[in-house]
Protein backbone atom coordinates (compact mmCIF):
# COMPACT_ATOMS: atom_id res chain seq x y z
CA MET A 1 8.63 -21.64 -27.61
CA SER A 2 8.93 -17.98 -28.58
CA GLU A 3 12.41 -16.36 -28.93
CA VAL A 4 13.12 -14.08 -26.21
CA VAL A 5 14.77 -10.83 -27.32
CA LYS A 6 17.21 -9.54 -24.66
CA THR A 7 17.24 -5.88 -24.07
CA PRO A 8 20.60 -4.16 -22.97
CA GLY A 9 20.66 -3.27 -19.32
CA ALA A 10 20.22 0.43 -18.31
CA LEU A 11 23.86 1.08 -17.57
CA ARG A 12 24.62 0.49 -21.31
CA ASN A 13 22.72 3.74 -21.73
CA PRO A 14 25.41 6.43 -21.21
CA GLU A 15 22.81 9.17 -20.10
CA PHE A 16 21.45 6.81 -17.51
CA ARG A 17 24.70 5.87 -16.34
CA LYS A 18 25.62 9.56 -15.60
CA PHE A 19 22.19 10.05 -13.75
CA TRP A 20 22.86 6.73 -11.82
CA ILE A 21 26.44 7.78 -10.65
CA GLY A 22 25.34 11.09 -9.68
CA GLU A 23 22.38 9.82 -7.77
CA THR A 24 24.42 7.17 -5.97
CA ILE A 25 26.85 9.68 -4.59
CA SER A 26 23.98 12.03 -3.49
CA LEU A 27 22.23 9.13 -1.76
CA VAL A 28 25.13 8.15 0.21
CA GLY A 29 25.54 12.15 1.32
CA SER A 30 21.82 12.02 2.26
CA GLU A 31 22.26 9.09 4.42
CA VAL A 32 25.55 10.86 6.12
CA MET A 33 23.17 13.85 6.64
CA ARG A 34 20.21 11.71 8.36
CA PHE A 35 22.66 10.50 10.56
CA ALA A 36 24.67 13.86 11.20
CA LEU A 37 21.80 16.24 11.50
CA PRO A 38 20.27 14.90 14.75
CA LEU A 39 23.73 14.79 16.17
CA VAL A 40 24.09 18.58 15.51
CA ALA A 41 21.20 19.23 17.75
CA VAL A 42 22.43 16.58 20.35
CA LEU A 43 26.30 17.39 20.45
CA SER A 44 26.43 21.16 19.28
CA LEU A 45 23.03 22.37 20.87
CA ARG A 46 22.56 19.98 23.74
CA ALA A 47 18.81 19.51 22.35
CA SER A 48 16.36 17.60 24.23
CA ALA A 49 14.76 14.28 22.83
CA LEU A 50 11.64 16.48 22.01
CA GLU A 51 13.65 18.98 20.13
CA VAL A 52 15.53 16.39 18.24
CA GLY A 53 12.02 14.61 17.22
CA VAL A 54 10.82 18.03 15.97
CA VAL A 55 13.96 18.45 13.67
CA ASN A 56 13.50 15.03 12.25
CA ALA A 57 9.82 15.53 11.82
CA MET A 58 10.34 18.85 9.71
CA ARG A 59 12.09 16.92 7.02
CA TYR A 60 8.84 14.77 6.51
CA LEU A 61 6.43 17.40 6.78
CA PRO A 62 6.70 18.68 3.15
CA ILE A 63 5.65 15.25 1.75
CA VAL A 64 2.08 15.85 3.02
CA VAL A 65 2.18 19.53 2.42
CA VAL A 66 4.08 19.95 -0.84
CA SER A 67 3.67 16.71 -2.95
CA LEU A 68 0.43 17.73 -4.75
CA PHE A 69 1.50 21.03 -5.69
CA ALA A 70 4.92 19.70 -6.70
CA GLY A 71 3.28 17.37 -9.01
CA ILE A 72 1.22 20.13 -10.74
CA TRP A 73 4.18 22.28 -11.25
CA LEU A 74 6.55 19.45 -12.61
CA ASP A 75 4.04 18.21 -15.15
CA ARG A 76 4.06 21.84 -16.73
CA ARG A 77 7.82 21.92 -17.23
CA ARG A 78 10.86 19.84 -18.16
CA ARG A 79 12.19 17.88 -15.21
CA TRP A 80 15.77 17.95 -16.01
CA PRO A 81 16.57 21.32 -15.24
CA VAL A 82 14.27 21.38 -11.97
CA LEU A 83 16.57 18.52 -10.73
CA ILE A 84 19.70 20.25 -11.18
CA ALA A 85 18.06 23.42 -9.46
CA THR A 86 16.87 21.51 -6.65
CA ASN A 87 20.18 19.91 -5.97
CA LEU A 88 22.03 23.28 -6.00
CA GLY A 89 19.26 24.47 -3.42
CA ARG A 90 19.88 21.38 -1.48
CA ALA A 91 23.56 21.84 -1.42
CA VAL A 92 23.24 25.68 -0.29
CA PHE A 93 20.74 25.09 2.60
CA ILE A 94 22.69 21.99 4.22
CA GLY A 95 25.85 24.06 3.69
CA LEU A 96 24.24 26.65 5.98
CA VAL A 97 24.62 24.41 9.13
CA PRO A 98 28.29 24.40 9.16
CA LEU A 99 28.72 28.07 8.15
CA ALA A 100 26.31 28.77 11.34
CA ALA A 101 28.31 26.65 13.60
CA VAL A 102 31.51 28.51 12.56
CA GLY A 103 29.74 31.94 12.87
CA GLY A 104 28.30 31.32 16.30
CA PHE A 105 24.47 31.64 15.04
CA LEU A 106 23.65 27.93 15.08
CA SER A 107 20.18 27.27 16.74
CA ILE A 108 17.54 24.56 16.96
CA TRP A 109 15.18 27.13 14.88
CA LEU A 110 17.83 27.21 12.18
CA LEU A 111 18.02 23.52 11.97
CA CYS A 112 14.21 23.18 11.53
CA ALA A 113 14.27 25.67 8.94
CA VAL A 114 17.07 23.94 6.95
CA ALA A 115 15.10 20.58 7.63
CA VAL A 116 12.11 22.01 6.08
CA ALA A 117 13.86 23.37 3.13
CA ILE A 118 15.78 20.26 2.41
CA GLY A 119 12.66 18.30 2.79
CA THR A 120 10.72 20.46 0.37
CA LEU A 121 13.42 20.39 -2.24
CA THR A 122 13.80 16.46 -1.81
CA VAL A 123 9.92 16.09 -2.34
CA ILE A 124 10.38 18.09 -5.64
CA PHE A 125 13.77 16.29 -6.60
CA ASP A 126 11.90 12.80 -5.83
CA VAL A 127 8.75 13.42 -7.74
CA GLY A 128 10.78 14.78 -10.51
CA SER A 129 13.24 12.08 -10.69
CA LEU A 130 10.53 9.29 -10.87
CA SER A 131 8.84 11.26 -13.81
CA PHE A 132 12.35 11.96 -15.45
CA VAL A 133 13.82 8.22 -15.58
CA PRO A 134 11.06 7.10 -18.04
CA ASN A 135 12.45 9.75 -20.57
CA VAL A 136 15.92 8.56 -20.02
CA VAL A 137 15.76 4.83 -20.72
CA GLU A 138 13.58 2.46 -22.98
CA ARG A 139 10.68 0.90 -21.57
CA GLU A 140 12.12 -2.32 -21.52
CA GLN A 141 14.92 -1.01 -19.54
CA LEU A 142 12.79 0.55 -16.77
CA THR A 143 12.73 -2.36 -14.34
CA ASP A 144 16.59 -2.91 -14.67
CA ALA A 145 16.92 1.20 -14.06
CA ASN A 146 14.92 1.22 -11.18
CA GLY A 147 16.74 -1.89 -9.85
CA ARG A 148 19.90 -0.05 -10.27
CA LEU A 149 18.61 2.94 -8.17
CA GLN A 150 17.14 0.62 -5.48
CA THR A 151 20.60 -0.95 -5.29
CA SER A 152 22.17 2.65 -4.76
CA PHE A 153 19.73 3.21 -2.10
CA SER A 154 20.63 0.13 -0.35
CA LEU A 155 24.24 0.74 -0.60
CA ALA A 156 23.83 4.12 0.86
CA MET A 157 21.84 2.80 3.83
CA ILE A 158 24.74 0.39 4.58
CA ALA A 159 27.59 2.94 3.88
CA GLY A 160 26.08 6.10 5.09
CA PRO A 161 25.52 5.83 8.96
CA GLY A 162 29.31 4.32 9.13
CA LEU A 163 30.72 6.92 7.01
CA GLY A 164 28.77 9.69 9.04
CA GLY A 165 29.85 8.10 12.22
CA PHE A 166 33.61 8.19 11.31
CA LEU A 167 33.36 11.77 9.91
CA VAL A 168 31.45 13.31 13.09
CA GLY A 169 34.41 11.74 15.21
CA ILE A 170 37.27 13.31 13.33
CA LEU A 171 35.36 16.70 11.78
CA THR A 172 32.39 17.31 14.34
CA ALA A 173 28.89 16.93 13.39
CA PRO A 174 28.42 20.32 11.61
CA VAL A 175 31.19 20.05 9.46
CA THR A 176 30.40 16.49 8.38
CA LEU A 177 27.37 18.15 6.66
CA THR A 178 29.71 19.61 4.03
CA VAL A 179 30.10 15.98 2.69
CA ASN A 180 26.39 15.99 1.93
CA ALA A 181 26.51 19.34 0.25
CA GLY A 182 29.34 18.33 -1.91
CA SER A 183 27.41 15.11 -2.80
CA TYR A 184 24.65 17.23 -4.21
CA LEU A 185 27.09 19.32 -6.16
CA PHE A 186 28.63 16.33 -7.63
CA SER A 187 25.06 15.17 -8.83
CA VAL A 188 24.69 18.48 -10.43
CA VAL A 189 27.74 18.04 -12.50
CA MET A 190 26.78 14.46 -13.70
CA LEU A 191 23.10 15.81 -14.49
CA SER A 192 24.64 18.86 -16.37
CA LEU A 193 26.77 16.29 -18.40
CA MET A 194 23.53 14.49 -19.56
CA LYS A 195 22.17 14.80 -23.37
CA VAL A 196 18.55 14.06 -23.01
CA ARG A 197 15.96 14.86 -25.34
CA GLU A 198 13.33 15.39 -22.75
CA PRO A 199 10.03 16.18 -24.56
CA GLU A 200 8.48 19.45 -23.92
CA PRO A 201 5.37 19.11 -21.52
CA ASP A 202 1.83 19.11 -23.03
CA LYS A 203 0.23 22.69 -22.79
CA PRO A 204 -3.44 22.61 -21.91
CA ALA A 205 -5.82 23.85 -24.41
CA GLU A 206 -7.42 25.98 -21.89
CA HIS A 207 -6.62 27.28 -18.51
CA THR A 208 -7.33 25.16 -15.91
CA THR A 209 -7.34 25.66 -12.00
CA VAL A 210 -5.10 24.23 -9.45
CA ARG A 211 -8.08 22.35 -8.06
CA SER A 212 -8.79 20.77 -11.25
CA ARG A 213 -5.11 19.82 -11.78
CA ILE A 214 -4.98 18.05 -8.50
CA ALA A 215 -8.11 16.37 -9.03
CA GLU A 216 -6.67 15.05 -12.35
CA GLY A 217 -3.68 13.80 -10.67
CA LEU A 218 -5.76 12.09 -7.95
CA ARG A 219 -8.05 10.44 -10.70
CA ALA A 220 -4.61 9.04 -12.29
CA VAL A 221 -4.07 7.16 -9.03
CA TYR A 222 -7.47 6.08 -7.81
CA GLY A 223 -8.97 6.11 -11.43
CA SER A 224 -6.58 3.33 -12.38
CA PRO A 225 -7.23 -0.18 -11.16
CA VAL A 226 -3.42 -0.82 -11.16
CA LEU A 227 -2.60 2.05 -9.18
CA ARG A 228 -5.45 2.05 -6.87
CA ASN A 229 -4.76 -1.46 -5.84
CA LEU A 230 -0.97 -1.00 -5.34
CA LEU A 231 -1.44 2.16 -3.28
CA THR A 232 -3.99 0.73 -0.83
CA GLN A 233 -1.79 -2.11 -0.37
CA SER A 234 1.52 -0.45 -0.18
CA ALA A 235 0.08 2.18 2.40
CA THR A 236 -1.36 -0.34 4.59
CA PHE A 237 2.20 -2.00 4.50
CA ASN A 238 4.02 1.02 5.33
CA LEU A 239 1.70 1.92 8.33
CA ALA A 240 1.92 -1.43 9.70
CA GLN A 241 5.71 -1.87 9.01
CA ASN A 242 6.44 1.66 10.77
CA ALA A 243 4.15 0.50 13.82
CA MET A 244 6.17 -2.76 13.95
CA LEU A 245 9.51 -1.06 13.81
CA THR A 246 8.88 1.42 16.32
CA VAL A 247 8.12 -1.14 18.64
CA PHE A 248 10.75 -3.46 17.81
CA VAL A 249 13.66 -1.11 18.28
CA VAL A 250 12.54 -0.62 22.06
CA TYR A 251 11.60 -4.29 22.42
CA ALA A 252 14.93 -5.58 21.01
CA VAL A 253 16.91 -3.41 23.63
CA ARG A 254 14.63 -3.55 26.68
CA THR A 255 13.08 -6.95 26.30
CA ILE A 256 15.65 -9.13 24.37
CA GLY A 257 18.45 -7.25 25.92
CA LEU A 258 20.38 -6.45 22.50
CA SER A 259 23.26 -3.72 22.95
CA ALA A 260 23.07 -0.64 20.74
CA ALA A 261 25.95 -2.25 18.88
CA GLN A 262 24.17 -5.55 18.44
CA LEU A 263 21.02 -3.85 17.21
CA GLY A 264 23.09 -1.80 14.83
CA LEU A 265 24.68 -5.25 13.58
CA VAL A 266 21.23 -6.61 12.98
CA LEU A 267 19.88 -3.51 10.98
CA GLY A 268 23.33 -3.10 8.88
CA ILE A 269 23.63 -6.99 8.08
CA GLY A 270 19.91 -7.01 7.37
CA ALA A 271 20.42 -4.17 4.94
CA PHE A 272 22.52 -6.45 2.69
CA GLY A 273 19.13 -8.29 2.01
CA SER A 274 17.82 -5.04 0.51
CA LEU A 275 20.90 -4.72 -1.49
CA ALA A 276 20.66 -8.29 -2.82
CA GLY A 277 16.93 -7.80 -3.94
CA ALA A 278 17.89 -4.52 -5.75
CA LEU A 279 20.58 -6.63 -7.76
CA LEU A 280 18.47 -9.47 -8.36
CA ALA A 281 15.03 -7.93 -8.95
CA ASN A 282 15.07 -7.81 -12.74
CA ARG A 283 16.44 -11.50 -12.89
CA VAL A 284 13.73 -12.90 -10.43
CA THR A 285 10.99 -11.09 -12.19
CA ARG A 286 11.93 -12.41 -15.71
CA ARG A 287 12.22 -15.93 -14.53
CA VAL A 288 9.12 -16.03 -12.34
CA GLY A 289 6.71 -13.33 -13.97
CA LEU A 290 5.60 -10.10 -12.61
CA GLY A 291 2.48 -11.20 -10.99
CA ARG A 292 4.04 -14.05 -9.00
CA THR A 293 6.99 -12.12 -8.12
CA LEU A 294 4.83 -9.64 -6.60
CA ARG A 295 2.83 -12.21 -4.69
CA LEU A 296 5.83 -13.95 -3.50
CA ALA A 297 7.31 -10.72 -2.34
CA THR A 298 4.23 -9.51 -0.31
CA ILE A 299 3.76 -12.85 1.17
CA THR A 300 7.36 -13.07 2.41
CA ALA A 301 7.89 -9.57 3.37
CA GLY A 302 4.66 -9.91 5.46
CA LEU A 303 5.69 -13.26 7.03
CA ALA A 304 9.44 -13.02 7.64
CA PRO A 305 9.29 -10.53 10.46
CA LEU A 306 7.35 -13.09 12.61
CA LEU A 307 10.77 -14.59 13.28
CA PHE A 308 11.14 -11.73 15.71
CA LEU A 309 9.01 -13.43 18.25
CA THR A 310 11.47 -16.60 18.30
CA ALA A 311 14.32 -14.42 19.67
CA HIS A 312 15.14 -14.76 23.41
CA GLY A 313 18.10 -13.30 25.12
CA HIS A 314 20.89 -11.40 23.75
CA GLY A 315 23.05 -14.41 22.44
CA VAL A 316 24.15 -15.17 18.89
CA PRO A 317 21.10 -17.28 18.23
CA SER A 318 18.86 -14.28 18.66
CA VAL A 319 21.02 -11.74 16.82
CA ALA A 320 21.06 -14.42 13.79
CA VAL A 321 17.34 -14.88 13.89
CA LEU A 322 16.69 -11.17 13.93
CA THR A 323 18.99 -10.71 11.06
CA VAL A 324 17.43 -13.33 8.94
CA GLY A 325 13.96 -12.04 9.52
CA TYR A 326 15.07 -8.59 8.75
CA GLY A 327 17.21 -9.38 5.75
CA LEU A 328 14.71 -11.62 4.13
CA ALA A 329 11.71 -9.07 4.54
CA GLY A 330 14.15 -6.45 2.99
CA PHE A 331 15.03 -8.53 0.07
CA MET A 332 11.64 -9.34 -0.89
CA LEU A 333 10.46 -5.56 -0.35
CA VAL A 334 12.99 -4.34 -2.62
CA ILE A 335 11.99 -6.78 -5.47
CA TYR A 336 8.36 -5.58 -4.98
CA ASN A 337 9.39 -1.90 -4.93
CA VAL A 338 11.46 -2.11 -8.24
CA ASN A 339 8.71 -3.73 -9.89
CA THR A 340 5.85 -1.53 -8.57
CA VAL A 341 7.75 1.72 -9.42
CA SER A 342 8.26 0.49 -12.96
CA LEU A 343 4.67 -0.48 -13.33
CA ARG A 344 3.62 2.84 -11.96
CA GLN A 345 5.81 4.74 -14.63
CA VAL A 346 4.42 2.41 -17.50
CA VAL A 347 0.61 2.62 -16.94
CA THR A 348 0.69 6.41 -16.43
CA PRO A 349 0.80 8.97 -19.61
CA ASN A 350 4.02 11.10 -19.49
CA ARG A 351 1.90 14.41 -18.99
CA LEU A 352 0.57 12.97 -15.61
CA LEU A 353 3.68 11.29 -14.29
CA SER A 354 4.69 14.04 -11.85
CA ARG A 355 1.19 14.38 -10.55
CA MET A 356 0.66 10.60 -10.28
CA ASN A 357 4.01 10.39 -8.39
CA ALA A 358 3.05 13.36 -6.13
CA SER A 359 -0.29 12.13 -5.28
CA TYR A 360 0.85 8.56 -4.65
CA ARG A 361 3.80 9.44 -2.41
CA MET A 362 1.60 11.75 -0.46
CA VAL A 363 -0.48 8.93 0.72
CA LEU A 364 2.24 6.22 0.70
CA PHE A 365 4.59 8.12 2.78
CA GLY A 366 1.93 10.12 4.77
CA THR A 367 1.45 6.58 6.58
CA ILE A 368 4.89 6.31 7.96
CA PRO A 369 4.36 8.86 10.94
CA LEU A 370 0.85 7.41 11.61
CA GLY A 371 2.45 4.01 11.75
CA ALA A 372 5.12 5.18 14.52
CA LEU A 373 2.54 6.96 16.34
CA LEU A 374 0.39 3.63 16.55
CA GLY A 375 3.11 1.56 17.29
CA GLY A 376 4.29 3.78 20.32
CA THR A 377 0.80 4.16 21.55
CA LEU A 378 0.37 0.42 21.64
CA GLY A 379 3.77 -0.21 23.31
CA GLN A 380 2.76 2.42 25.84
CA TYR A 381 -0.40 1.09 27.02
CA LEU A 382 -0.23 -2.44 26.25
CA GLY A 383 3.31 -3.53 26.64
CA LEU A 384 6.15 -4.23 24.16
CA ARG A 385 5.53 -8.03 23.81
CA THR A 386 1.82 -7.58 23.29
CA ALA A 387 2.30 -4.45 20.96
CA LEU A 388 4.99 -6.56 18.67
CA VAL A 389 2.57 -9.23 18.21
CA ILE A 390 -0.30 -7.07 17.19
CA THR A 391 1.89 -5.04 14.81
CA LEU A 392 3.38 -8.11 13.36
CA ILE A 393 -0.10 -9.48 12.68
CA LEU A 394 -1.05 -6.28 11.16
CA LEU A 395 2.00 -6.57 8.69
CA THR A 396 0.64 -9.74 7.30
CA SER A 397 -2.61 -7.98 6.46
CA PRO A 398 -1.22 -6.82 2.85
CA ILE A 399 -1.25 -10.63 1.82
CA ALA A 400 -4.91 -10.37 1.60
CA TRP A 401 -4.60 -7.98 -1.62
CA THR A 402 -3.05 -11.17 -3.48
CA PHE A 403 -6.52 -13.03 -3.41
CA PHE A 404 -8.51 -10.27 -5.21
CA SER A 405 -6.01 -7.55 -6.69
CA PRO A 406 -5.63 -8.25 -10.61
CA VAL A 407 -2.27 -6.80 -10.45
CA PHE A 408 -1.02 -10.24 -9.19
CA ARG A 409 -2.32 -11.79 -12.21
CA LEU A 410 -0.25 -9.74 -14.72
CA ARG A 411 2.35 -12.00 -16.27
CA SER A 412 4.63 -9.35 -17.46
CA MET A 413 4.89 -5.67 -17.62
CA PRO A 414 2.17 -3.92 -19.51
CA THR A 415 3.46 -2.02 -22.83
CA GLY A 416 1.57 1.11 -21.93
CA PRO A 417 -1.38 2.89 -20.28
CA ASP A 418 -3.81 1.33 -22.85
CA ALA A 419 -2.37 -2.19 -22.63
CA ALA A 420 -2.70 -1.96 -18.71
CA ILE A 421 -6.46 -1.15 -19.12
CA SER A 422 -7.09 -3.88 -21.26
CA ALA A 423 -5.29 -6.29 -19.04
CA PHE A 424 -7.59 -5.45 -16.29
CA ILE A 425 -10.63 -5.89 -18.46
CA ASP A 426 -9.45 -9.21 -19.70
CA PRO A 427 -6.82 -10.38 -17.40
CA ALA A 428 -5.49 -12.98 -19.49
CA PRO A 429 -1.71 -12.91 -19.93
CA GLU A 430 -1.95 -12.86 -23.70
CA ALA A 431 -3.90 -9.33 -23.21
CA VAL A 432 -0.83 -8.04 -21.46
CA ALA A 433 2.40 -9.11 -23.47
CA PRO A 434 1.59 -11.57 -26.01
CA GLU A 435 5.11 -11.98 -27.18
CA ALA A 436 6.31 -13.11 -23.66
CA ALA A 437 6.91 -16.79 -23.29
CA PRO A 438 6.37 -18.36 -19.82
CA GLU A 439 9.79 -20.03 -20.15
CA ALA A 440 11.54 -16.91 -20.74
CA ALA A 441 15.11 -16.94 -19.56
CA PRO A 442 16.21 -14.29 -17.05
CA GLU A 443 18.44 -11.41 -18.74
CA PRO A 444 21.63 -10.69 -16.55
CA ASP A 445 21.14 -7.67 -14.72
CA GLU A 446 12.45 4.34 -2.32
CA PRO A 447 12.42 -2.52 0.40
CA ALA A 448 14.81 -0.55 2.10
CA ASN A 449 12.68 0.32 4.72
CA ALA A 450 9.44 0.95 3.19
CA SER A 451 7.27 0.13 0.38
CA ALA A 452 7.55 2.31 -2.48
């Protein structure tokens, strides 16, 4: 049996620790904003449901429009100063809302403009962040680092809405957004304290066009068997999951008869499953192996929501079964996300990280509004029960990838892009990580709502 060399956890790295603390606070602030911004429209502007929907949509529009260009731009510069600048920008733009409320010039158009600006800067920050973390921690610490960040995201999802509701009640919705602005400024301070020797980006030998750089980023995704398989599977999952959740929320209230409080309880308690997955992802992967962990996560996340069909009435049994289904799916999806984000970072050369992440996320999150539209259409024309059954069956379709995708034959994380290519030419475990033993003991230690 080979001796297992334990790598210190990511939090032992003081520079990552600063980044993680700042990111945790800003994520909580972002969840407060996601809760409070629609309430500004509803309570302060008496906006219609359509107007509220437009404000929410404006936050996601930049994912499709800006992602590819953000990737090109970020691959030509160091990411650390960009992360600081984008957080400063987010603090300024979200701070405009309470100032406008006090000054008397708050409008739905201003909210839309702020939502677009925040969404644009968030796209840049997220792509830059995913490309920055591999320069902060060792390769062996990537899974643990991404697990810590997923833990923060899960905690923010649990704490953010409750904190937002409390603050709106005592401060009003516009003033509550100052908390979000403050969280971004706190992140700026923590980033500024970091001492990271980020390598200078590669300078191209000759001038290249925007089109050619976009094409290179797309080839980084679709030319890689690892990323191509991951993206098609995860995008399919996101499409199906958001179709299902769109139907489920209405179904839970109108068909099962849950109150808003009961539905919130299901989603809130279920979110603890995501938190547990983030905390245990590294441990599970070391014990089970990478490919088997991804296979288990895919199958469980696809099948667990079928429990929703067994809920009848609004009593304790229904609330319990819905919570178990939602929490179990969330637990396994976060484990999947932690590992696949790490895998993406390992198999991509540093000079292409930003463009890869941008190209990947444009497709991955671009399916979310399509899924919501699909679920709403099915519910409108086929009825809620039928629509829920169809979307739950669709949610199991990513399981098909476990039968043909070589990703699920990987025993451990590749050591780099060349090792990943070799593993897919000859997918024997030894081609990936010859030093890893199947009996390896576990090392102590963006699904939340979507596959990352």
